[in-house]
Full PDB file with SEQRES, HELIX, SHEET, SSBOND, CRYST1, ORIGX, SCALE, CONECT and MASTER records, all heavy atoms in Angstrom:
SEQRES   1 A   38  ASN LEU ARG ASP ILE ASN GLU HIS MET ASP ARG GLU CYS          
SEQRES   2 A   38  LEU SER SER ALA ALA ARG TYR GLY MET ILE LEU ASP ALA          
SEQRES   3 A   38  SER LEU ILE THR GLY ILE ASP PRO PRO GLU GLU VAL              
HELIX    1 AA1 LEU A    2  GLU A   12  1                                  11    
HELIX    2 AA2 CYS A   13  SER A   15  5                                   3    
HELIX    3 AA3 SER A   16  TYR A   20  1                                   5    
CRYST1    1.000    1.000    1.000  90.00  90.00  90.00 P 1           1          
ORIGX1      1.000000  0.000000  0.000000        0.00000                         
ORIGX2      0.000000  1.000000  0.000000        0.00000                         
ORIGX3      0.000000  0.000000  1.000000        0.00000                         
SCALE1      1.000000  0.000000  0.000000        0.00000                         
SCALE2      0.000000  1.000000  0.000000        0.00000                         
SCALE3      0.000000  0.000000  1.000000        0.00000                         
ATOM      1  N   ASN A   1     -48.598 -62.872 -25.834  1.00  0.00           N  
ATOM      2  CA  ASN A   1     -48.518 -61.702 -24.956  1.00  0.00           C  
ATOM      3  C   ASN A   1     -48.292 -60.413 -25.744  1.00  0.00           C  
ATOM      4  O   ASN A   1     -47.567 -59.517 -25.300  1.00  0.00           O  
ATOM      5  CB  ASN A   1     -47.386 -61.893 -23.935  1.00  0.00           C  
ATOM      6  CG  ASN A   1     -47.649 -63.028 -22.964  1.00  0.00           C  
ATOM      7  OD1 ASN A   1     -48.286 -62.858 -21.946  1.00  0.00           O  
ATOM      8  ND2 ASN A   1     -47.134 -64.208 -23.292  1.00  0.00           N  
ATOM      9  N   LEU A   2     -48.925 -60.320 -26.914  1.00  0.00           N  
ATOM     10  CA  LEU A   2     -48.785 -59.111 -27.728  1.00  0.00           C  
ATOM     11  C   LEU A   2     -49.277 -57.870 -26.981  1.00  0.00           C  
ATOM     12  O   LEU A   2     -48.682 -56.795 -27.077  1.00  0.00           O  
ATOM     13  CB  LEU A   2     -49.566 -59.269 -29.035  1.00  0.00           C  
ATOM     14  CG  LEU A   2     -48.847 -60.005 -30.174  1.00  0.00           C  
ATOM     15  CD1 LEU A   2     -49.751 -60.096 -31.392  1.00  0.00           C  
ATOM     16  CD2 LEU A   2     -47.548 -59.316 -30.535  1.00  0.00           C  
ATOM     17  N   ARG A   3     -50.349 -58.034 -26.229  1.00  0.00           N  
ATOM     18  CA  ARG A   3     -50.884 -56.877 -25.501  1.00  0.00           C  
ATOM     19  C   ARG A   3     -49.876 -56.380 -24.463  1.00  0.00           C  
ATOM     20  O   ARG A   3     -49.670 -55.163 -24.321  1.00  0.00           O  
ATOM     21  CB  ARG A   3     -52.199 -57.264 -24.826  1.00  0.00           C  
ATOM     22  CG  ARG A   3     -52.824 -56.124 -24.033  1.00  0.00           C  
ATOM     23  CD  ARG A   3     -54.157 -56.542 -23.445  1.00  0.00           C  
ATOM     24  NE  ARG A   3     -54.750 -55.467 -22.661  1.00  0.00           N  
ATOM     25  CZ  ARG A   3     -55.896 -55.554 -22.031  1.00  0.00           C  
ATOM     26  NH1 ARG A   3     -56.601 -56.681 -22.110  1.00  0.00           N  
ATOM     27  NH2 ARG A   3     -56.363 -54.545 -21.327  1.00  0.00           N  
ATOM     28  N   ASP A   4     -49.234 -57.304 -23.743  1.00  0.00           N  
ATOM     29  CA  ASP A   4     -48.239 -56.898 -22.750  1.00  0.00           C  
ATOM     30  C   ASP A   4     -47.055 -56.201 -23.415  1.00  0.00           C  
ATOM     31  O   ASP A   4     -46.519 -55.229 -22.876  1.00  0.00           O  
ATOM     32  CB  ASP A   4     -47.752 -58.133 -21.972  1.00  0.00           C  
ATOM     33  CG  ASP A   4     -48.841 -58.709 -21.089  1.00  0.00           C  
ATOM     34  OD1 ASP A   4     -49.792 -57.971 -20.777  1.00  0.00           O  
ATOM     35  OD2 ASP A   4     -48.746 -59.891 -20.717  1.00  0.00           O  
ATOM     36  N   ILE A   5     -46.654 -56.690 -24.592  1.00  0.00           N  
ATOM     37  CA  ILE A   5     -45.526 -56.066 -25.296  1.00  0.00           C  
ATOM     38  C   ILE A   5     -45.900 -54.652 -25.734  1.00  0.00           C  
ATOM     39  O   ILE A   5     -45.099 -53.710 -25.582  1.00  0.00           O  
ATOM     40  CB  ILE A   5     -45.119 -56.933 -26.508  1.00  0.00           C  
ATOM     41  CG1 ILE A   5     -44.621 -58.305 -26.037  1.00  0.00           C  
ATOM     42  CG2 ILE A   5     -44.039 -56.234 -27.320  1.00  0.00           C  
ATOM     43  CD1 ILE A   5     -44.327 -59.262 -27.155  1.00  0.00           C  
ATOM     44  N   ASN A   6     -47.098 -54.484 -26.274  1.00  0.00           N  
ATOM     45  CA  ASN A   6     -47.535 -53.144 -26.692  1.00  0.00           C  
ATOM     46  C   ASN A   6     -47.599 -52.179 -25.505  1.00  0.00           C  
ATOM     47  O   ASN A   6     -47.187 -51.022 -25.609  1.00  0.00           O  
ATOM     48  CB  ASN A   6     -48.897 -53.227 -27.377  1.00  0.00           C  
ATOM     49  CG  ASN A   6     -48.813 -53.801 -28.787  1.00  0.00           C  
ATOM     50  OD1 ASN A   6     -47.859 -53.551 -29.510  1.00  0.00           O  
ATOM     51  ND2 ASN A   6     -49.800 -54.578 -29.177  1.00  0.00           N  
ATOM     52  N   GLU A   7     -48.109 -52.660 -24.375  1.00  0.00           N  
ATOM     53  CA  GLU A   7     -48.184 -51.797 -23.198  1.00  0.00           C  
ATOM     54  C   GLU A   7     -46.788 -51.449 -22.693  1.00  0.00           C  
ATOM     55  O   GLU A   7     -46.539 -50.322 -22.249  1.00  0.00           O  
ATOM     56  CB  GLU A   7     -48.994 -52.492 -22.105  1.00  0.00           C  
ATOM     57  CG  GLU A   7     -50.480 -52.621 -22.438  1.00  0.00           C  
ATOM     58  CD  GLU A   7     -51.252 -53.381 -21.375  1.00  0.00           C  
ATOM     59  OE1 GLU A   7     -50.592 -53.933 -20.458  1.00  0.00           O  
ATOM     60  OE2 GLU A   7     -52.494 -53.430 -21.449  1.00  0.00           O  
ATOM     61  N   HIS A   8     -45.867 -52.415 -22.759  1.00  0.00           N  
ATOM     62  CA  HIS A   8     -44.487 -52.138 -22.349  1.00  0.00           C  
ATOM     63  C   HIS A   8     -43.863 -51.078 -23.250  1.00  0.00           C  
ATOM     64  O   HIS A   8     -43.172 -50.161 -22.760  1.00  0.00           O  
ATOM     65  CB  HIS A   8     -43.667 -53.422 -22.409  1.00  0.00           C  
ATOM     66  CG  HIS A   8     -42.204 -53.216 -22.188  1.00  0.00           C  
ATOM     67  ND1 HIS A   8     -41.645 -53.100 -20.933  1.00  0.00           N  
ATOM     68  CD2 HIS A   8     -41.164 -53.086 -23.065  1.00  0.00           C  
ATOM     69  CE1 HIS A   8     -40.339 -52.909 -21.041  1.00  0.00           C  
ATOM     70  NE2 HIS A   8     -40.025 -52.894 -22.319  1.00  0.00           N  
ATOM     71  N   MET A   9     -44.104 -51.167 -24.551  1.00  0.00           N  
ATOM     72  CA  MET A   9     -43.550 -50.180 -25.475  1.00  0.00           C  
ATOM     73  C   MET A   9     -44.125 -48.800 -25.204  1.00  0.00           C  
ATOM     74  O   MET A   9     -43.415 -47.786 -25.269  1.00  0.00           O  
ATOM     75  CB  MET A   9     -43.825 -50.607 -26.916  1.00  0.00           C  
ATOM     76  CG  MET A   9     -43.116 -51.891 -27.343  1.00  0.00           C  
ATOM     77  SD  MET A   9     -41.325 -51.775 -27.142  1.00  0.00           S  
ATOM     78  CE  MET A   9     -40.950 -50.385 -28.197  1.00  0.00           C  
ATOM     79  N   ASP A  10     -45.407 -48.729 -24.891  1.00  0.00           N  
ATOM     80  CA  ASP A  10     -46.017 -47.433 -24.583  1.00  0.00           C  
ATOM     81  C   ASP A  10     -45.366 -46.804 -23.353  1.00  0.00           C  
ATOM     82  O   ASP A  10     -45.103 -45.594 -23.320  1.00  0.00           O  
ATOM     83  CB  ASP A  10     -47.522 -47.604 -24.348  1.00  0.00           C  
ATOM     84  CG  ASP A  10     -48.261 -47.979 -25.632  1.00  0.00           C  
ATOM     85  OD1 ASP A  10     -47.701 -47.748 -26.718  1.00  0.00           O  
ATOM     86  OD2 ASP A  10     -49.389 -48.503 -25.535  1.00  0.00           O  
ATOM     87  N   ARG A  11     -45.095 -47.638 -22.337  1.00  0.00           N  
ATOM     88  CA  ARG A  11     -44.458 -47.102 -21.120  1.00  0.00           C  
ATOM     89  C   ARG A  11     -43.032 -46.649 -21.392  1.00  0.00           C  
ATOM     90  O   ARG A  11     -42.601 -45.579 -20.942  1.00  0.00           O  
ATOM     91  CB  ARG A  11     -44.470 -48.163 -20.015  1.00  0.00           C  
ATOM     92  CG  ARG A  11     -45.852 -48.477 -19.452  1.00  0.00           C  
ATOM     93  CD  ARG A  11     -45.728 -49.305 -18.186  1.00  0.00           C  
ATOM     94  NE  ARG A  11     -45.026 -50.562 -18.426  1.00  0.00           N  
ATOM     95  CZ  ARG A  11     -45.639 -51.695 -18.752  1.00  0.00           C  
ATOM     96  NH1 ARG A  11     -46.960 -51.719 -18.887  1.00  0.00           N  
ATOM     97  NH2 ARG A  11     -44.958 -52.803 -18.960  1.00  0.00           N  
ATOM     98  N   GLU A  12     -42.278 -47.455 -22.134  1.00  0.00           N  
ATOM     99  CA  GLU A  12     -40.881 -47.138 -22.375  1.00  0.00           C  
ATOM    100  C   GLU A  12     -40.706 -45.907 -23.259  1.00  0.00           C  
ATOM    101  O   GLU A  12     -39.688 -45.213 -23.170  1.00  0.00           O  
ATOM    102  CB  GLU A  12     -40.177 -48.337 -23.029  1.00  0.00           C  
ATOM    103  CG  GLU A  12     -39.974 -49.524 -22.104  1.00  0.00           C  
ATOM    104  CD  GLU A  12     -39.017 -49.202 -20.972  1.00  0.00           C  
ATOM    105  OE1 GLU A  12     -38.009 -48.512 -21.221  1.00  0.00           O  
ATOM    106  OE2 GLU A  12     -39.295 -49.618 -19.830  1.00  0.00           O  
ATOM    107  N   CYS A  13     -41.686 -45.638 -24.116  1.00  0.00           N  
ATOM    108  CA  CYS A  13     -41.562 -44.526 -25.067  1.00  0.00           C  
ATOM    109  C   CYS A  13     -42.209 -43.241 -24.564  1.00  0.00           C  
ATOM    110  O   CYS A  13     -42.325 -42.279 -25.321  1.00  0.00           O  
ATOM    111  CB  CYS A  13     -42.180 -44.928 -26.412  1.00  0.00           C  
ATOM    112  SG  CYS A  13     -41.280 -46.252 -27.255  1.00  0.00           S  
ATOM    113  N   LEU A  14     -42.610 -43.216 -23.297  1.00  0.00           N  
ATOM    114  CA  LEU A  14     -43.178 -41.987 -22.749  1.00  0.00           C  
ATOM    115  C   LEU A  14     -42.169 -40.844 -22.763  1.00  0.00           C  
ATOM    116  O   LEU A  14     -42.537 -39.671 -22.854  1.00  0.00           O  
ATOM    117  CB  LEU A  14     -43.669 -42.232 -21.310  1.00  0.00           C  
ATOM    118  CG  LEU A  14     -44.972 -43.019 -21.152  1.00  0.00           C  
ATOM    119  CD1 LEU A  14     -45.260 -43.264 -19.682  1.00  0.00           C  
ATOM    120  CD2 LEU A  14     -46.126 -42.282 -21.799  1.00  0.00           C  
ATOM    121  N   SER A  15     -40.883 -41.179 -22.664  1.00  0.00           N  
ATOM    122  CA  SER A  15     -39.861 -40.133 -22.595  1.00  0.00           C  
ATOM    123  C   SER A  15     -39.574 -39.488 -23.946  1.00  0.00           C  
ATOM    124  O   SER A  15     -38.821 -38.513 -24.011  1.00  0.00           O  
ATOM    125  CB  SER A  15     -38.554 -40.714 -22.029  1.00  0.00           C  
ATOM    126  OG  SER A  15     -38.051 -41.734 -22.875  1.00  0.00           O  
ATOM    127  N   SER A  16     -40.156 -40.013 -25.035  1.00  0.00           N  
ATOM    128  CA  SER A  16     -39.865 -39.441 -26.358  1.00  0.00           C  
ATOM    129  C   SER A  16     -40.348 -37.992 -26.459  1.00  0.00           C  
ATOM    130  O   SER A  16     -39.770 -37.194 -27.197  1.00  0.00           O  
ATOM    131  CB  SER A  16     -40.513 -40.286 -27.455  1.00  0.00           C  
ATOM    132  OG  SER A  16     -41.931 -40.247 -27.355  1.00  0.00           O  
ATOM    133  N   ALA A  17     -41.392 -37.632 -25.721  1.00  0.00           N  
ATOM    134  CA  ALA A  17     -41.881 -36.254 -25.760  1.00  0.00           C  
ATOM    135  C   ALA A  17     -40.843 -35.294 -25.203  1.00  0.00           C  
ATOM    136  O   ALA A  17     -40.606 -34.213 -25.758  1.00  0.00           O  
ATOM    137  CB  ALA A  17     -43.181 -36.144 -24.972  1.00  0.00           C  
ATOM    138  N   ALA A  18     -40.209 -35.672 -24.099  1.00  0.00           N  
ATOM    139  CA  ALA A  18     -39.190 -34.811 -23.507  1.00  0.00           C  
ATOM    140  C   ALA A  18     -37.870 -34.898 -24.262  1.00  0.00           C  
ATOM    141  O   ALA A  18     -37.090 -33.941 -24.265  1.00  0.00           O  
ATOM    142  CB  ALA A  18     -38.972 -35.194 -22.043  1.00  0.00           C  
ATOM    143  N   ARG A  19     -37.606 -36.024 -24.917  1.00  0.00           N  
ATOM    144  CA  ARG A  19     -36.351 -36.199 -25.649  1.00  0.00           C  
ATOM    145  C   ARG A  19     -36.361 -35.462 -26.988  1.00  0.00           C  
ATOM    146  O   ARG A  19     -35.452 -34.681 -27.296  1.00  0.00           O  
ATOM    147  CB  ARG A  19     -36.095 -37.688 -25.914  1.00  0.00           C  
ATOM    148  CG  ARG A  19     -35.694 -38.515 -24.710  1.00  0.00           C  
ATOM    149  CD  ARG A  19     -35.751 -39.990 -25.076  1.00  0.00           C  
ATOM    150  NE  ARG A  19     -35.277 -40.856 -24.023  1.00  0.00           N  
ATOM    151  CZ  ARG A  19     -34.060 -41.379 -23.966  1.00  0.00           C  
ATOM    152  NH1 ARG A  19     -33.189 -41.091 -24.904  1.00  0.00           N  
ATOM    153  NH2 ARG A  19     -33.706 -42.172 -22.971  1.00  0.00           N  
ATOM    154  N   TYR A  20     -37.395 -35.750 -27.800  1.00  0.00           N  
ATOM    155  CA  TYR A  20     -37.385 -35.312 -29.193  1.00  0.00           C  
ATOM    156  C   TYR A  20     -38.568 -34.427 -29.572  1.00  0.00           C  
ATOM    157  O   TYR A  20     -38.696 -34.039 -30.729  1.00  0.00           O  
ATOM    158  CB  TYR A  20     -37.365 -36.533 -30.115  1.00  0.00           C  
ATOM    159  CG  TYR A  20     -36.378 -37.587 -29.696  1.00  0.00           C  
ATOM    160  CD1 TYR A  20     -36.800 -38.858 -29.315  1.00  0.00           C  
ATOM    161  CD2 TYR A  20     -35.009 -37.309 -29.655  1.00  0.00           C  
ATOM    162  CE1 TYR A  20     -35.891 -39.827 -28.915  1.00  0.00           C  
ATOM    163  CE2 TYR A  20     -34.097 -38.277 -29.253  1.00  0.00           C  
ATOM    164  CZ  TYR A  20     -34.552 -39.527 -28.880  1.00  0.00           C  
ATOM    165  OH  TYR A  20     -33.650 -40.479 -28.486  1.00  0.00           O  
ATOM    166  N   GLY A  21     -39.459 -34.133 -28.628  1.00  0.00           N  
ATOM    167  CA  GLY A  21     -40.599 -33.295 -28.946  1.00  0.00           C  
ATOM    168  C   GLY A  21     -41.680 -34.007 -29.730  1.00  0.00           C  
ATOM    169  O   GLY A  21     -42.490 -33.361 -30.392  1.00  0.00           O  
ATOM    170  N   MET A  22     -41.717 -35.340 -29.671  1.00  0.00           N  
ATOM    171  CA  MET A  22     -42.742 -36.117 -30.368  1.00  0.00           C  
ATOM    172  C   MET A  22     -43.317 -37.136 -29.404  1.00  0.00           C  
ATOM    173  O   MET A  22     -42.599 -37.771 -28.635  1.00  0.00           O  
ATOM    174  CB  MET A  22     -42.162 -36.826 -31.602  1.00  0.00           C  
ATOM    175  CG  MET A  22     -41.672 -35.865 -32.672  1.00  0.00           C  
ATOM    176  SD  MET A  22     -41.168 -36.721 -34.180  1.00  0.00           S  
ATOM    177  CE  MET A  22     -42.722 -37.365 -34.746  1.00  0.00           C  
ATOM    178  N   ILE A  23     -44.643 -37.295 -29.451  1.00  0.00           N  
ATOM    179  CA  ILE A  23     -45.353 -38.213 -28.567  1.00  0.00           C  
ATOM    180  C   ILE A  23     -45.733 -39.461 -29.342  1.00  0.00           C  
ATOM    181  O   ILE A  23     -46.338 -39.373 -30.410  1.00  0.00           O  
ATOM    182  CB  ILE A  23     -46.622 -37.557 -27.998  1.00  0.00           C  
ATOM    183  CG1 ILE A  23     -46.264 -36.310 -27.179  1.00  0.00           C  
ATOM    184  CG2 ILE A  23     -47.404 -38.537 -27.137  1.00  0.00           C  
ATOM    185  CD1 ILE A  23     -47.475 -35.541 -26.706  1.00  0.00           C  
ATOM    186  N   LEU A  24     -45.374 -40.626 -28.801  1.00  0.00           N  
ATOM    187  CA  LEU A  24     -45.819 -41.892 -29.369  1.00  0.00           C  
ATOM    188  C   LEU A  24     -47.138 -42.251 -28.697  1.00  0.00           C  
ATOM    189  O   LEU A  24     -47.176 -42.672 -27.540  1.00  0.00           O  
ATOM    190  CB  LEU A  24     -44.770 -42.985 -29.135  1.00  0.00           C  
ATOM    191  CG  LEU A  24     -43.517 -42.890 -29.996  1.00  0.00           C  
ATOM    192  CD1 LEU A  24     -42.512 -43.961 -29.603  1.00  0.00           C  
ATOM    193  CD2 LEU A  24     -43.855 -43.015 -31.467  1.00  0.00           C  
ATOM    194  N   ASP A  25     -48.233 -42.061 -29.416  1.00  0.00           N  
ATOM    195  CA  ASP A  25     -49.552 -42.320 -28.836  1.00  0.00           C  
ATOM    196  C   ASP A  25     -49.773 -43.793 -28.548  1.00  0.00           C  
ATOM    197  O   ASP A  25     -50.339 -44.160 -27.523  1.00  0.00           O  
ATOM    198  CB  ASP A  25     -50.653 -41.819 -29.778  1.00  0.00           C  
ATOM    199  CG  ASP A  25     -50.881 -40.327 -29.630  1.00  0.00           C  
ATOM    200  OD1 ASP A  25     -50.464 -39.787 -28.585  1.00  0.00           O  
ATOM    201  OD2 ASP A  25     -51.443 -39.705 -30.537  1.00  0.00           O  
ATOM    202  N   ALA A  26     -49.355 -44.654 -29.458  1.00  0.00           N  
ATOM    203  CA  ALA A  26     -49.583 -46.088 -29.271  1.00  0.00           C  
ATOM    204  C   ALA A  26     -48.713 -46.871 -30.234  1.00  0.00           C  
ATOM    205  O   ALA A  26     -48.391 -46.411 -31.325  1.00  0.00           O  
ATOM    206  CB  ALA A  26     -51.052 -46.436 -29.491  1.00  0.00           C  
ATOM    207  N   SER A  27     -48.320 -48.059 -29.782  1.00  0.00           N  
ATOM    208  CA  SER A  27     -47.652 -49.016 -30.664  1.00  0.00           C  
ATOM    209  C   SER A  27     -48.585 -50.203 -30.844  1.00  0.00           C  
ATOM    210  O   SER A  27     -49.135 -50.727 -29.874  1.00  0.00           O  
ATOM    211  CB  SER A  27     -46.321 -49.478 -30.049  1.00  0.00           C  
ATOM    212  OG  SER A  27     -46.531 -50.102 -28.792  1.00  0.00           O  
ATOM    213  N   LEU A  28     -48.792 -50.599 -32.081  1.00  0.00           N  
ATOM    214  CA  LEU A  28     -49.737 -51.664 -32.399  1.00  0.00           C  
ATOM    215  C   LEU A  28     -49.003 -52.773 -33.133  1.00  0.00           C  
ATOM    216  O   LEU A  28     -48.997 -52.825 -34.366  1.00  0.00           O  
ATOM    217  CB  LEU A  28     -50.895 -51.117 -33.244  1.00  0.00           C  
ATOM    218  CG  LEU A  28     -51.658 -49.925 -32.638  1.00  0.00           C  
ATOM    219  CD1 LEU A  28     -52.627 -49.339 -33.645  1.00  0.00           C  
ATOM    220  CD2 LEU A  28     -52.376 -50.336 -31.373  1.00  0.00           C  
ATOM    221  N   ILE A  29     -48.327 -53.643 -32.381  1.00  0.00           N  
ATOM    222  CA  ILE A  29     -47.654 -54.794 -32.976  1.00  0.00           C  
ATOM    223  C   ILE A  29     -48.719 -55.840 -33.277  1.00  0.00           C  
ATOM    224  O   ILE A  29     -49.402 -56.326 -32.384  1.00  0.00           O  
ATOM    225  CB  ILE A  29     -46.591 -55.355 -32.026  1.00  0.00           C  
ATOM    226  CG1 ILE A  29     -45.587 -54.260 -31.655  1.00  0.00           C  
ATOM    227  CG2 ILE A  29     -45.868 -56.541 -32.654  1.00  0.00           C  
ATOM    228  CD1 ILE A  29     -44.600 -54.675 -30.575  1.00  0.00           C  
ATOM    229  N   THR A  30     -48.872 -56.169 -34.540  1.00  0.00           N  
ATOM    230  CA  THR A  30     -49.964 -57.057 -34.950  1.00  0.00           C  
ATOM    231  C   THR A  30     -49.502 -58.438 -35.384  1.00  0.00           C  
ATOM    232  O   THR A  30     -50.319 -59.360 -35.417  1.00  0.00           O  
ATOM    233  CB  THR A  30     -50.741 -56.420 -36.115  1.00  0.00           C  
ATOM    234  OG1 THR A  30     -49.837 -56.125 -37.193  1.00  0.00           O  
ATOM    235  CG2 THR A  30     -51.403 -55.122 -35.668  1.00  0.00           C  
ATOM    236  N   GLY A  31     -48.236 -58.608 -35.737  1.00  0.00           N  
ATOM    237  CA  GLY A  31     -47.774 -59.903 -36.228  1.00  0.00           C  
ATOM    238  C   GLY A  31     -46.360 -60.215 -35.818  1.00  0.00           C  
ATOM    239  O   GLY A  31     -45.495 -59.339 -35.804  1.00  0.00           O  
ATOM    240  N   ILE A  32     -46.122 -61.479 -35.448  1.00  0.00           N  
ATOM    241  CA  ILE A  32     -44.781 -61.980 -35.127  1.00  0.00           C  
ATOM    242  C   ILE A  32     -44.616 -63.281 -35.903  1.00  0.00           C  
ATOM    243  O   ILE A  32     -45.254 -64.293 -35.580  1.00  0.00           O  
ATOM    244  CB  ILE A  32     -44.602 -62.211 -33.620  1.00  0.00           C  
ATOM    245  CG1 ILE A  32     -44.796 -60.892 -32.862  1.00  0.00           C  
ATOM    246  CG2 ILE A  32     -43.242 -62.807 -33.325  1.00  0.00           C  
ATOM    247  CD1 ILE A  32     -44.650 -61.028 -31.364  1.00  0.00           C  
ATOM    248  N   ASP A  33     -43.794 -63.260 -36.933  1.00  0.00           N  
ATOM    249  CA  ASP A  33     -43.660 -64.398 -37.834  1.00  0.00           C  
ATOM    250  C   ASP A  33     -42.251 -64.960 -37.770  1.00  0.00           C  
ATOM    251  O   ASP A  33     -41.271 -64.232 -37.992  1.00  0.00           O  
ATOM    252  CB  ASP A  33     -43.980 -63.987 -39.272  1.00  0.00           C  
ATOM    253  CG  ASP A  33     -45.392 -63.427 -39.396  1.00  0.00           C  
ATOM    254  OD1 ASP A  33     -46.301 -64.027 -38.803  1.00  0.00           O  
ATOM    255  OD2 ASP A  33     -45.566 -62.390 -40.066  1.00  0.00           O  
ATOM    256  N   PRO A  34     -42.114 -66.268 -37.490  1.00  0.00           N  
ATOM    257  CA  PRO A  34     -40.784 -66.884 -37.469  1.00  0.00           C  
ATOM    258  C   PRO A  34     -40.297 -67.154 -38.888  1.00  0.00           C  
ATOM    259  O   PRO A  34     -41.059 -67.021 -39.858  1.00  0.00           O  
ATOM    260  CB  PRO A  34     -41.041 -68.195 -36.720  1.00  0.00           C  
ATOM    261  CG  PRO A  34     -42.452 -68.531 -37.049  1.00  0.00           C  
ATOM    262  CD  PRO A  34     -43.172 -67.206 -37.153  1.00  0.00           C  
ATOM    263  N   PRO A  35     -39.026 -67.549 -39.048  1.00  0.00           N  
ATOM    264  CA  PRO A  35     -38.534 -67.916 -40.379  1.00  0.00           C  
ATOM    265  C   PRO A  35     -39.330 -69.077 -40.962  1.00  0.00           C  
ATOM    266  O   PRO A  35     -39.913 -69.877 -40.226  1.00  0.00           O  
ATOM    267  CB  PRO A  35     -37.074 -68.317 -40.110  1.00  0.00           C  
ATOM    268  CG  PRO A  35     -36.721 -67.656 -38.824  1.00  0.00           C  
ATOM    269  CD  PRO A  35     -37.981 -67.610 -38.019  1.00  0.00           C  
ATOM    270  N   GLU A  36     -39.351 -69.176 -42.297  1.00  0.00           N  
ATOM    271  CA  GLU A  36     -40.143 -70.217 -42.950  1.00  0.00           C  
ATOM    272  C   GLU A  36     -39.698 -71.614 -42.540  1.00  0.00           C  
ATOM    273  O   GLU A  36     -40.523 -72.516 -42.387  1.00  0.00           O  
ATOM    274  CB  GLU A  36     -40.032 -70.061 -44.475  1.00  0.00           C  
ATOM    275  CG  GLU A  36     -40.656 -68.770 -45.009  1.00  0.00           C  
ATOM    276  CD  GLU A  36     -40.556 -68.675 -46.513  1.00  0.00           C  
ATOM    277  OE1 GLU A  36     -39.999 -69.617 -47.121  1.00  0.00           O  
ATOM    278  OE2 GLU A  36     -41.036 -67.673 -47.079  1.00  0.00           O  
ATOM    279  N   GLU A  37     -38.378 -71.802 -42.355  1.00  0.00           N  
ATOM    280  CA  GLU A  37     -37.894 -73.136 -41.992  1.00  0.00           C  
ATOM    281  C   GLU A  37     -38.282 -73.529 -40.573  1.00  0.00           C  
ATOM    282  O   GLU A  37     -38.243 -74.700 -40.210  1.00  0.00           O  
ATOM    283  CB  GLU A  37     -36.367 -73.208 -42.142  1.00  0.00           C  
ATOM    284  CG  GLU A  37     -35.591 -72.223 -41.266  1.00  0.00           C  
ATOM    285  CD  GLU A  37     -35.389 -70.892 -41.935  1.00  0.00           C  
ATOM    286  OE1 GLU A  37     -36.083 -70.621 -42.941  1.00  0.00           O  
ATOM    287  OE2 GLU A  37     -34.542 -70.123 -41.456  1.00  0.00           O  
ATOM    288  N   VAL A  38     -38.666 -72.549 -39.763  1.00  0.00           N  
ATOM    289  CA  VAL A  38     -39.050 -72.835 -38.382  1.00  0.00           C  
ATOM    290  C   VAL A  38     -40.564 -72.968 -38.243  1.00  0.00           C  
ATOM    291  O   VAL A  38     -41.063 -73.578 -37.301  1.00  0.00           O  
ATOM    292  CB  VAL A  38     -38.516 -71.727 -37.446  1.00  0.00           C  
ATOM    293  CG1 VAL A  38     -38.911 -71.979 -36.001  1.00  0.00           C  
ATOM    294  CG2 VAL A  38     -37.008 -71.613 -37.561  1.00  0.00           C  
TER     295      VAL A  38                                                      
MASTER        0    0    0    3    0    0    0    6  294    1    0    3          
END                                                                             
């Protein structure tokens, strides 16, 4: 569900423009790697 996570991050970070004056255009999470022993 990487796509759902990226879309959730985009929605949650919409307020960064009003908070800090910077717009997060997109988050591109490409990899989720567990520990080597797992």
